[in-house]
Structure formats: C-alpha cells, structure tokens
N, C-alpha and C. Protein backbone atom coordinates (compact mmCIF):
# COMPACT_ATOMS: atom_id res chain seq x y z
N MET A 1 -52.90 42.94 -11.47
CA MET A 1 -51.72 43.49 -10.84
C MET A 1 -52.10 44.65 -9.94
N THR A 2 -51.41 44.74 -8.85
CA THR A 2 -51.63 45.87 -7.96
C THR A 2 -50.43 46.81 -8.04
N GLU A 3 -50.72 48.07 -7.93
CA GLU A 3 -49.66 49.07 -7.96
C GLU A 3 -48.96 49.12 -6.61
N PRO A 4 -47.65 49.28 -6.60
CA PRO A 4 -46.98 49.43 -5.30
C PRO A 4 -47.33 50.79 -4.70
N THR A 5 -47.61 50.78 -3.42
CA THR A 5 -47.97 52.02 -2.75
C THR A 5 -46.79 52.50 -1.91
N ASP A 6 -46.84 53.73 -1.52
CA ASP A 6 -45.76 54.27 -0.70
C ASP A 6 -46.09 54.20 0.79
N THR A 7 -47.17 53.50 1.17
CA THR A 7 -47.51 53.30 2.58
C THR A 7 -47.79 51.83 2.82
N PHE A 8 -47.76 51.44 4.09
CA PHE A 8 -48.02 50.06 4.47
C PHE A 8 -49.51 49.81 4.66
N THR A 9 -49.92 48.57 4.44
CA THR A 9 -51.26 48.16 4.85
C THR A 9 -51.20 47.83 6.33
N LYS A 10 -52.35 47.61 6.95
CA LYS A 10 -52.36 47.30 8.38
C LYS A 10 -51.63 46.00 8.67
N ALA A 11 -51.76 45.01 7.80
CA ALA A 11 -51.09 43.73 8.02
C ALA A 11 -49.57 43.89 7.90
N GLU A 12 -49.13 44.63 6.90
CA GLU A 12 -47.69 44.85 6.74
C GLU A 12 -47.13 45.65 7.92
N LEU A 13 -47.88 46.62 8.37
CA LEU A 13 -47.45 47.45 9.49
C LEU A 13 -47.28 46.61 10.76
N SER A 14 -48.24 45.75 11.04
CA SER A 14 -48.13 44.92 12.23
C SER A 14 -47.00 43.90 12.10
N ALA A 15 -46.75 43.38 10.89
CA ALA A 15 -45.66 42.43 10.68
C ALA A 15 -44.31 43.10 10.92
N HIS A 16 -44.15 44.32 10.44
CA HIS A 16 -42.88 45.03 10.64
C HIS A 16 -42.70 45.45 12.09
N ARG A 17 -43.77 45.80 12.77
CA ARG A 17 -43.67 46.14 14.20
C ARG A 17 -43.28 44.90 15.01
N ALA A 18 -43.85 43.75 14.65
CA ALA A 18 -43.49 42.51 15.35
C ALA A 18 -42.02 42.17 15.12
N ALA A 19 -41.54 42.38 13.90
CA ALA A 19 -40.13 42.11 13.61
C ALA A 19 -39.23 43.05 14.41
N ALA A 20 -39.62 44.30 14.57
CA ALA A 20 -38.83 45.25 15.35
C ALA A 20 -38.81 44.86 16.82
N GLU A 21 -39.93 44.34 17.33
CA GLU A 21 -39.98 43.89 18.71
C GLU A 21 -39.09 42.69 18.96
N ARG A 22 -38.90 41.86 17.92
CA ARG A 22 -38.00 40.71 18.04
C ARG A 22 -36.54 41.13 17.98
N GLY A 23 -36.28 42.39 17.65
CA GLY A 23 -34.91 42.87 17.63
C GLY A 23 -34.31 42.96 16.25
N GLU A 24 -35.08 42.70 15.21
CA GLU A 24 -34.58 42.81 13.85
C GLU A 24 -34.50 44.28 13.46
N THR A 25 -33.42 44.67 12.83
CA THR A 25 -33.23 46.06 12.41
C THR A 25 -33.85 46.25 11.03
N PRO A 26 -34.80 47.20 10.90
CA PRO A 26 -35.43 47.44 9.59
C PRO A 26 -34.49 48.22 8.66
N SER A 27 -34.71 48.07 7.38
CA SER A 27 -33.93 48.83 6.41
C SER A 27 -34.42 50.27 6.37
N LEU A 28 -33.65 51.12 5.73
CA LEU A 28 -34.05 52.53 5.63
C LEU A 28 -35.31 52.69 4.80
N ASP A 29 -35.50 51.83 3.79
CA ASP A 29 -36.72 51.89 2.99
C ASP A 29 -37.95 51.58 3.84
N ILE A 30 -37.83 50.60 4.72
CA ILE A 30 -38.96 50.24 5.59
C ILE A 30 -39.25 51.39 6.55
N VAL A 31 -38.20 52.00 7.10
CA VAL A 31 -38.40 53.12 8.02
C VAL A 31 -39.06 54.29 7.31
N ALA A 32 -38.61 54.60 6.10
CA ALA A 32 -39.19 55.71 5.35
C ALA A 32 -40.66 55.44 5.02
N LYS A 33 -40.96 54.20 4.64
CA LYS A 33 -42.35 53.84 4.33
C LYS A 33 -43.21 53.89 5.59
N PHE A 34 -42.64 53.50 6.72
CA PHE A 34 -43.35 53.55 7.99
C PHE A 34 -43.69 55.01 8.34
N ILE A 35 -42.74 55.92 8.16
CA ILE A 35 -42.98 57.33 8.45
C ILE A 35 -44.05 57.90 7.53
N ARG A 36 -44.03 57.54 6.25
CA ARG A 36 -45.06 58.02 5.32
C ARG A 36 -46.43 57.50 5.73
N THR A 37 -46.48 56.26 6.23
CA THR A 37 -47.75 55.68 6.68
C THR A 37 -48.29 56.45 7.88
N ILE A 38 -47.44 56.73 8.84
CA ILE A 38 -47.86 57.46 10.04
C ILE A 38 -48.32 58.87 9.66
N ARG A 39 -47.58 59.55 8.79
CA ARG A 39 -47.96 60.90 8.37
C ARG A 39 -49.30 60.90 7.65
N LYS A 40 -49.51 59.92 6.78
CA LYS A 40 -50.76 59.85 6.03
C LYS A 40 -51.94 59.63 6.99
N THR A 41 -51.74 58.77 7.98
CA THR A 41 -52.79 58.51 8.96
C THR A 41 -53.07 59.76 9.79
N PHE A 42 -52.02 60.44 10.23
CA PHE A 42 -52.20 61.63 11.06
C PHE A 42 -52.86 62.76 10.28
N LEU A 43 -52.41 62.98 9.06
CA LEU A 43 -52.95 64.09 8.28
C LEU A 43 -54.38 63.84 7.82
N ALA A 44 -54.82 62.59 7.87
CA ALA A 44 -56.19 62.27 7.47
C ALA A 44 -57.18 62.47 8.62
N SER A 45 -56.68 62.62 9.85
CA SER A 45 -57.59 62.74 10.99
C SER A 45 -58.18 64.15 11.05
N PRO A 46 -59.45 64.29 11.43
CA PRO A 46 -60.09 65.61 11.50
C PRO A 46 -59.45 66.52 12.54
N ILE A 47 -58.88 65.95 13.60
CA ILE A 47 -58.25 66.76 14.64
C ILE A 47 -57.03 67.46 14.06
N ALA A 48 -56.24 66.77 13.24
CA ALA A 48 -55.06 67.37 12.63
C ALA A 48 -55.46 68.49 11.68
N VAL A 49 -56.56 68.31 10.98
CA VAL A 49 -57.01 69.34 10.05
C VAL A 49 -57.42 70.59 10.82
N GLU A 50 -58.13 70.42 11.94
CA GLU A 50 -58.55 71.56 12.74
C GLU A 50 -57.35 72.26 13.37
N LYS A 51 -56.36 71.50 13.82
CA LYS A 51 -55.17 72.11 14.41
C LYS A 51 -54.42 72.94 13.38
N GLY A 52 -54.41 72.50 12.15
CA GLY A 52 -53.70 73.20 11.11
C GLY A 52 -54.34 74.53 10.75
N LYS A 53 -55.62 74.69 11.01
CA LYS A 53 -56.32 75.92 10.66
C LYS A 53 -56.13 77.02 11.70
N LYS A 54 -55.76 76.67 12.91
CA LYS A 54 -55.62 77.65 13.98
C LYS A 54 -54.25 78.32 13.90
N THR A 55 -54.24 79.59 14.22
CA THR A 55 -52.97 80.29 14.30
C THR A 55 -52.55 80.38 15.75
N ARG A 56 -51.30 80.49 15.96
CA ARG A 56 -50.76 80.46 17.32
C ARG A 56 -51.07 81.75 18.08
N ASN A 57 -51.01 82.88 17.42
CA ASN A 57 -51.16 84.16 18.10
C ASN A 57 -52.49 84.84 17.81
N SER A 58 -53.51 84.08 17.54
CA SER A 58 -54.79 84.71 17.24
C SER A 58 -55.46 85.19 18.52
N LYS A 59 -56.06 86.36 18.44
CA LYS A 59 -56.75 86.94 19.58
C LYS A 59 -58.21 86.51 19.54
N PRO A 60 -58.81 86.27 20.70
CA PRO A 60 -60.23 85.88 20.71
C PRO A 60 -61.11 87.01 20.21
N LYS A 61 -62.14 86.66 19.50
CA LYS A 61 -63.08 87.66 18.98
C LYS A 61 -63.92 88.21 20.12
N VAL A 62 -64.19 89.50 20.10
CA VAL A 62 -65.01 90.14 21.13
C VAL A 62 -66.46 89.99 20.73
N ASP A 63 -67.24 89.48 21.64
CA ASP A 63 -68.67 89.31 21.42
C ASP A 63 -69.35 90.63 21.78
N GLU A 64 -70.11 91.18 20.85
CA GLU A 64 -70.77 92.48 21.04
C GLU A 64 -71.76 92.45 22.21
N SER A 65 -72.33 91.30 22.50
CA SER A 65 -73.30 91.23 23.59
C SER A 65 -72.63 91.34 24.96
N GLN A 66 -71.35 91.11 25.04
CA GLN A 66 -70.65 91.16 26.32
C GLN A 66 -70.05 92.55 26.61
N VAL A 67 -70.12 93.46 25.66
CA VAL A 67 -69.57 94.79 25.84
C VAL A 67 -70.56 95.65 26.63
N ASP A 68 -70.08 96.25 27.71
CA ASP A 68 -70.93 97.11 28.53
C ASP A 68 -70.48 98.55 28.36
N PHE A 69 -71.36 99.40 27.83
CA PHE A 69 -71.01 100.76 27.55
C PHE A 69 -71.26 101.70 28.72
N PHE A 70 -71.96 101.26 29.76
CA PHE A 70 -72.32 102.14 30.86
C PHE A 70 -71.65 101.75 32.13
C-alpha cells in the first residue's frame, strides 16, 4: 500500500493540466493539491532558499581595502 500524499506526481500533474486545457473545471481539492505541489517545488529550489536569506534593507558591507584615509 502507498500512503496518500498531499502533492501530485509528475504524471498526475500533467493529467490535471491537460484536463484544464480541455476546459474541465477542477475541484477545490485538486486546486489545493496543485498549489501545495507548486509551493513544495519552489521551496525546494536553491534560488528560493537564497532569496529567503536576504533582507530587503540590508546595507552593503564596506571592504576595508577600498577605504582611502589620505
């Protein structure tokens, strides 16, 4: 037995996208599962992890070698 997951597999995702292209309206459960799948994929990417570590108002660090005292 396999446990039910809260995200789609690639085959399920493509099947539901094809159904949406045909004009079939998905249920709210399918839409919610689709959103969880997209979020899981996005949050797993290294770019998203790096973006999350940056602050919006951070000032650049001053490099001591670039400071001219004279």
